[in-house]
């Protein structure tokens, strides 16, 4: 089966009849994940993206340096420190029996997100930390708070494996 394809009996989250509900649940869960990463893990800067570029994924990035944009020549380049972690939960889908499923990938950034040399742009190296893990939870799809807690706990479990402390 090709990456990004939907398994039999499942629907991509952006095509799901539960999209609005799940977006509310994700926002609550991700807000709490962000709080835990800053207060409990000590990260100075945490950001998350929900469905970036209209994709079926969530990206969470935690760093000890503000992920901002610094000018270098005429390009604006996001800068991170060597302890910047990203978790991407991709191919989010709803399966039979209210199961939310997604493929997780965790990696650490090595320096700038991009660098410039002789007018060429290079992507930074990333080091995979945890690969090929599956996020799989059963939701009620009718209780925002409880479903947010379930998703938050599942994401926190993956992050605990991803980020050594």
C-alpha atoms as a PDB file:
ATOM      1  CA  UNK A   1       0.000   0.000   0.000  1.00  0.00           C
ATOM      2  CA  UNK A   2       1.407   3.420  -0.910  1.00  0.00           C
ATOM      3  CA  UNK A   3       2.284   5.944   1.746  1.00  0.00           C
ATOM      4  CA  UNK A   4      -0.571   8.352   2.280  1.00  0.00           C
ATOM      5  CA  UNK A   5      -3.188   5.905   1.088  1.00  0.00           C
ATOM      6  CA  UNK A   6      -6.243   5.094   3.142  1.00  0.00           C
ATOM      7  CA  UNK A   7      -6.664   1.602   4.541  1.00  0.00           C
ATOM      8  CA  UNK A   8      -9.878  -0.233   3.777  1.00  0.00           C
ATOM      9  CA  UNK A   9     -12.636   0.941   6.087  1.00  0.00           C
ATOM     10  CA  UNK A  10     -10.894   4.200   6.996  1.00  0.00           C
ATOM     11  CA  UNK A  11     -11.349   7.844   6.036  1.00  0.00           C
ATOM     12  CA  UNK A  12      -8.683  10.554   5.975  1.00  0.00           C
ATOM     13  CA  UNK A  13      -9.343  13.054   8.720  1.00  0.00           C
ATOM     14  CA  UNK A  14      -9.843  16.001   6.342  1.00  0.00           C
ATOM     15  CA  UNK A  15     -12.577  14.036   4.567  1.00  0.00           C
ATOM     16  CA  UNK A  16     -14.196  12.812   7.773  1.00  0.00           C
ATOM     17  CA  UNK A  17     -17.641  13.878   8.889  1.00  0.00           C
ATOM     18  CA  UNK A  18     -15.970  14.419  12.299  1.00  0.00           C
ATOM     19  CA  UNK A  19     -13.416  16.992  11.067  1.00  0.00           C
ATOM     20  CA  UNK A  20     -14.846  19.938  13.021  1.00  0.00           C
ATOM     21  CA  UNK A  21     -15.189  17.863  16.192  1.00  0.00           C
ATOM     22  CA  UNK A  22     -11.685  16.374  15.849  1.00  0.00           C
ATOM     23  CA  UNK A  23     -10.154  19.791  15.211  1.00  0.00           C
ATOM     24  CA  UNK A  24     -11.592  21.009  18.518  1.00  0.00           C
ATOM     25  CA  UNK A  25     -10.315  17.874  20.273  1.00  0.00           C
ATOM     26  CA  UNK A  26      -6.832  18.247  18.744  1.00  0.00           C
ATOM     27  CA  UNK A  27      -6.623  21.923  19.735  1.00  0.00           C
ATOM     28  CA  UNK A  28      -7.371  21.050  23.374  1.00  0.00           C
ATOM     29  CA  UNK A  29      -4.977  18.090  23.386  1.00  0.00           C
ATOM     30  CA  UNK A  30      -2.154  20.003  21.688  1.00  0.00           C
ATOM     31  CA  UNK A  31      -2.541  22.975  24.031  1.00  0.00           C
ATOM     32  CA  UNK A  32      -2.020  20.606  26.976  1.00  0.00           C
ATOM     33  CA  UNK A  33       0.917  18.851  25.237  1.00  0.00           C
ATOM     34  CA  UNK A  34       2.495  22.290  24.733  1.00  0.00           C
ATOM     35  CA  UNK A  35       2.002  23.114  28.427  1.00  0.00           C
ATOM     36  CA  UNK A  36       3.592  19.818  29.490  1.00  0.00           C
ATOM     37  CA  UNK A  37       6.599  20.310  27.211  1.00  0.00           C
ATOM     38  CA  UNK A  38       7.277  23.787  28.592  1.00  0.00           C
ATOM     39  CA  UNK A  39       6.424  23.246  32.260  1.00  0.00           C
ATOM     40  CA  UNK A  40       7.403  19.604  32.800  1.00  0.00           C
ATOM     41  CA  UNK A  41      10.132  19.035  30.194  1.00  0.00           C
ATOM     42  CA  UNK A  42      11.550  22.563  30.423  1.00  0.00           C
ATOM     43  CA  UNK A  43      11.482  23.558  26.759  1.00  0.00           C
ATOM     44  CA  UNK A  44      11.588  27.311  26.205  1.00  0.00           C
ATOM     45  CA  UNK A  45       9.638  27.277  22.962  1.00  0.00           C
ATOM     46  CA  UNK A  46       6.977  24.867  21.697  1.00  0.00           C
ATOM     47  CA  UNK A  47       4.796  25.218  18.647  1.00  0.00           C
ATOM     48  CA  UNK A  48       2.388  22.949  16.848  1.00  0.00           C
ATOM     49  CA  UNK A  49       0.695  22.933  13.484  1.00  0.00           C
ATOM     50  CA  UNK A  50      -2.608  21.252  12.800  1.00  0.00           C
ATOM     51  CA  UNK A  51      -3.173  20.138   9.203  1.00  0.00           C
ATOM     52  CA  UNK A  52      -0.280  22.180   7.707  1.00  0.00           C
ATOM     53  CA  UNK A  53      -0.739  22.778   3.986  1.00  0.00           C
ATOM     54  CA  UNK A  54      -4.115  20.990   4.156  1.00  0.00           C
ATOM     55  CA  UNK A  55      -2.458  17.688   4.984  1.00  0.00           C
ATOM     56  CA  UNK A  56      -3.687  14.934   7.296  1.00  0.00           C
ATOM     57  CA  UNK A  57      -1.009  15.541   9.896  1.00  0.00           C
ATOM     58  CA  UNK A  58       0.053  17.301  13.063  1.00  0.00           C
ATOM     59  CA  UNK A  59       3.563  18.638  13.665  1.00  0.00           C
ATOM     60  CA  UNK A  60       4.864  19.478  17.147  1.00  0.00           C
ATOM     61  CA  UNK A  61       8.272  21.154  17.580  1.00  0.00           C
ATOM     62  CA  UNK A  62      10.005  21.789  20.918  1.00  0.00           C
ATOM     63  CA  UNK A  63      13.235  23.744  21.348  1.00  0.00           C
ATOM     64  CA  UNK A  64      15.382  25.523  23.900  1.00  0.00           C
ATOM     65  CA  UNK A  65      15.710  28.436  21.498  1.00  0.00           C
ATOM     66  CA  UNK A  66      12.882  30.459  20.033  1.00  0.00           C
ATOM     67  CA  UNK A  67      12.099  29.204  16.569  1.00  0.00           C
ATOM     68  CA  UNK A  68      12.040  32.485  14.773  1.00  0.00           C
ATOM     69  CA  UNK A  69      13.247  33.994  11.596  1.00  0.00           C
ATOM     70  CA  UNK A  70      16.608  35.704  11.403  1.00  0.00           C
ATOM     71  CA  UNK A  71      17.689  37.638   8.375  1.00  0.00           C
ATOM     72  CA  UNK A  72      20.661  36.279   6.468  1.00  0.00           C
ATOM     73  CA  UNK A  73      21.234  38.113   3.203  1.00  0.00           C
ATOM     74  CA  UNK A  74      17.757  38.495   1.756  1.00  0.00           C
ATOM     75  CA  UNK A  75      16.406  35.146   2.904  1.00  0.00           C
ATOM     76  CA  UNK A  76      14.572  34.695   6.168  1.00  0.00           C
ATOM     77  CA  UNK A  77      15.806  31.474   7.731  1.00  0.00           C
ATOM     78  CA  UNK A  78      14.283  29.724  10.761  1.00  0.00           C
ATOM     79  CA  UNK A  79      17.010  28.970  13.313  1.00  0.00           C
ATOM     80  CA  UNK A  80      16.873  26.218  15.931  1.00  0.00           C
ATOM     81  CA  UNK A  81      19.322  24.865  18.482  1.00  0.00           C
ATOM     82  CA  UNK A  82      20.816  21.371  18.549  1.00  0.00           C
ATOM     83  CA  UNK A  83      18.167  20.175  20.976  1.00  0.00           C
ATOM     84  CA  UNK A  84      15.145  20.883  18.837  1.00  0.00           C
ATOM     85  CA  UNK A  85      12.762  17.959  18.472  1.00  0.00           C
ATOM     86  CA  UNK A  86       9.889  17.525  16.047  1.00  0.00           C
ATOM     87  CA  UNK A  87       7.120  14.965  16.109  1.00  0.00           C
ATOM     88  CA  UNK A  88       5.063  14.508  12.975  1.00  0.00           C
ATOM     89  CA  UNK A  89       1.861  12.476  13.148  1.00  0.00           C
ATOM     90  CA  UNK A  90       0.924  11.774   9.556  1.00  0.00           C
ATOM     91  CA  UNK A  91      -1.779  10.080   7.526  1.00  0.00           C
ATOM     92  CA  UNK A  92      -4.362  10.776  10.241  1.00  0.00           C
ATOM     93  CA  UNK A  93      -7.492   8.769   9.611  1.00  0.00           C
ATOM     94  CA  UNK A  94     -10.619   7.483  11.309  1.00  0.00           C
ATOM     95  CA  UNK A  95     -11.125   3.750  11.074  1.00  0.00           C
ATOM     96  CA  UNK A  96     -13.958   1.456  12.012  1.00  0.00           C
ATOM     97  CA  UNK A  97     -15.148   1.537  15.614  1.00  0.00           C
ATOM     98  CA  UNK A  98     -14.088   5.190  16.135  1.00  0.00           C
ATOM     99  CA  UNK A  99     -10.366   4.463  15.977  1.00  0.00           C
ATOM    100  CA  UNK A 100      -8.064   7.392  15.224  1.00  0.00           C
ATOM    101  CA  UNK A 101      -4.851   6.256  13.630  1.00  0.00           C
ATOM    102  CA  UNK A 102      -1.700   8.021  12.443  1.00  0.00           C
ATOM    103  CA  UNK A 103       1.917   7.236  11.600  1.00  0.00           C
ATOM    104  CA  UNK A 104       4.439   8.956  13.887  1.00  0.00           C
ATOM    105  CA  UNK A 105       7.929  10.159  13.070  1.00  0.00           C
ATOM    106  CA  UNK A 106      10.192  11.879  15.571  1.00  0.00           C
ATOM    107  CA  UNK A 107      13.499  13.545  14.799  1.00  0.00           C
ATOM    108  CA  UNK A 108      16.037  16.010  16.157  1.00  0.00           C
ATOM    109  CA  UNK A 109      17.195  19.009  14.138  1.00  0.00           C
ATOM    110  CA  UNK A 110      20.923  19.514  13.646  1.00  0.00           C
ATOM    111  CA  UNK A 111      21.359  23.284  13.362  1.00  0.00           C
ATOM    112  CA  UNK A 112      19.481  25.665  11.112  1.00  0.00           C
ATOM    113  CA  UNK A 113      16.447  24.429   9.237  1.00  0.00           C
ATOM    114  CA  UNK A 114      18.203  25.633   6.103  1.00  0.00           C
ATOM    115  CA  UNK A 115      21.570  27.198   5.361  1.00  0.00           C
ATOM    116  CA  UNK A 116      22.822  29.373   2.534  1.00  0.00           C
ATOM    117  CA  UNK A 117      26.125  28.950   0.714  1.00  0.00           C
ATOM    118  CA  UNK A 118      27.099  30.595  -2.578  1.00  0.00           C
ATOM    119  CA  UNK A 119      23.472  31.458  -3.296  1.00  0.00           C
ATOM    120  CA  UNK A 120      22.364  27.841  -2.863  1.00  0.00           C
ATOM    121  CA  UNK A 121      19.974  26.732  -0.149  1.00  0.00           C
ATOM    122  CA  UNK A 122      20.515  23.453   1.703  1.00  0.00           C
ATOM    123  CA  UNK A 123      18.180  21.694   4.074  1.00  0.00           C
ATOM    124  CA  UNK A 124      19.573  20.932   7.505  1.00  0.00           C
ATOM    125  CA  UNK A 125      20.317  17.407   8.575  1.00  0.00           C
ATOM    126  CA  UNK A 126      17.802  15.706  10.792  1.00  0.00           C
ATOM    127  CA  UNK A 127      18.399  12.640  12.909  1.00  0.00           C
ATOM    128  CA  UNK A 128      15.494  10.211  13.314  1.00  0.00           C
ATOM    129  CA  UNK A 129      14.851   9.377  16.960  1.00  0.00           C
ATOM    130  CA  UNK A 130      11.805   7.109  16.824  1.00  0.00           C
ATOM    131  CA  UNK A 131      10.567   5.703  13.547  1.00  0.00           C
ATOM    132  CA  UNK A 132       7.623   3.749  12.274  1.00  0.00           C
ATOM    133  CA  UNK A 133       5.453   4.035  15.357  1.00  0.00           C
ATOM    134  CA  UNK A 134       1.696   4.065  15.145  1.00  0.00           C
ATOM    135  CA  UNK A 135      -0.602   6.352  17.104  1.00  0.00           C
ATOM    136  CA  UNK A 136      -3.831   4.430  17.591  1.00  0.00           C
ATOM    137  CA  UNK A 137      -6.605   5.387  20.001  1.00  0.00           C
ATOM    138  CA  UNK A 138     -10.302   4.689  20.296  1.00  0.00           C
ATOM    139  CA  UNK A 139     -12.431   7.800  20.726  1.00  0.00           C
ATOM    140  CA  UNK A 140     -16.039   8.322  21.749  1.00  0.00           C
ATOM    141  CA  UNK A 141     -16.497  11.046  19.107  1.00  0.00           C
ATOM    142  CA  UNK A 142     -19.071  12.630  21.415  1.00  0.00           C
ATOM    143  CA  UNK A 143     -17.083  13.873  24.446  1.00  0.00           C
ATOM    144  CA  UNK A 144     -14.528  16.553  23.554  1.00  0.00           C
ATOM    145  CA  UNK A 145     -12.776  16.623  26.938  1.00  0.00           C
ATOM    146  CA  UNK A 146     -12.380  12.847  27.289  1.00  0.00           C
ATOM    147  CA  UNK A 147     -11.246  12.426  23.676  1.00  0.00           C
ATOM    148  CA  UNK A 148      -8.732  15.286  24.093  1.00  0.00           C
ATOM    149  CA  UNK A 149      -7.288  13.555  27.171  1.00  0.00           C
ATOM    150  CA  UNK A 150      -6.985  10.267  25.263  1.00  0.00           C
ATOM    151  CA  UNK A 151      -5.166  11.958  22.364  1.00  0.00           C
ATOM    152  CA  UNK A 152      -2.974  14.031  24.701  1.00  0.00           C
ATOM    153  CA  UNK A 153      -1.873  10.911  26.588  1.00  0.00           C
ATOM    154  CA  UNK A 154      -1.095   9.047  23.357  1.00  0.00           C
ATOM    155  CA  UNK A 155       0.957  11.963  21.992  1.00  0.00           C
ATOM    156  CA  UNK A 156       2.742  12.354  25.349  1.00  0.00           C
ATOM    157  CA  UNK A 157       3.668   8.665  25.299  1.00  0.00           C
ATOM    158  CA  UNK A 158       5.304   9.038  21.875  1.00  0.00           C
ATOM    159  CA  UNK A 159       7.067  12.248  22.958  1.00  0.00           C
ATOM    160  CA  UNK A 160       8.448  10.515  26.072  1.00  0.00           C
ATOM    161  CA  UNK A 161      10.136   7.975  23.783  1.00  0.00           C
ATOM    162  CA  UNK A 162      11.263  10.714  21.427  1.00  0.00           C
ATOM    163  CA  UNK A 163      12.759  13.219  23.848  1.00  0.00           C
ATOM    164  CA  UNK A 164      15.410  11.882  26.239  1.00  0.00           C
ATOM    165  CA  UNK A 165      15.262  13.499  29.666  1.00  0.00           C
END
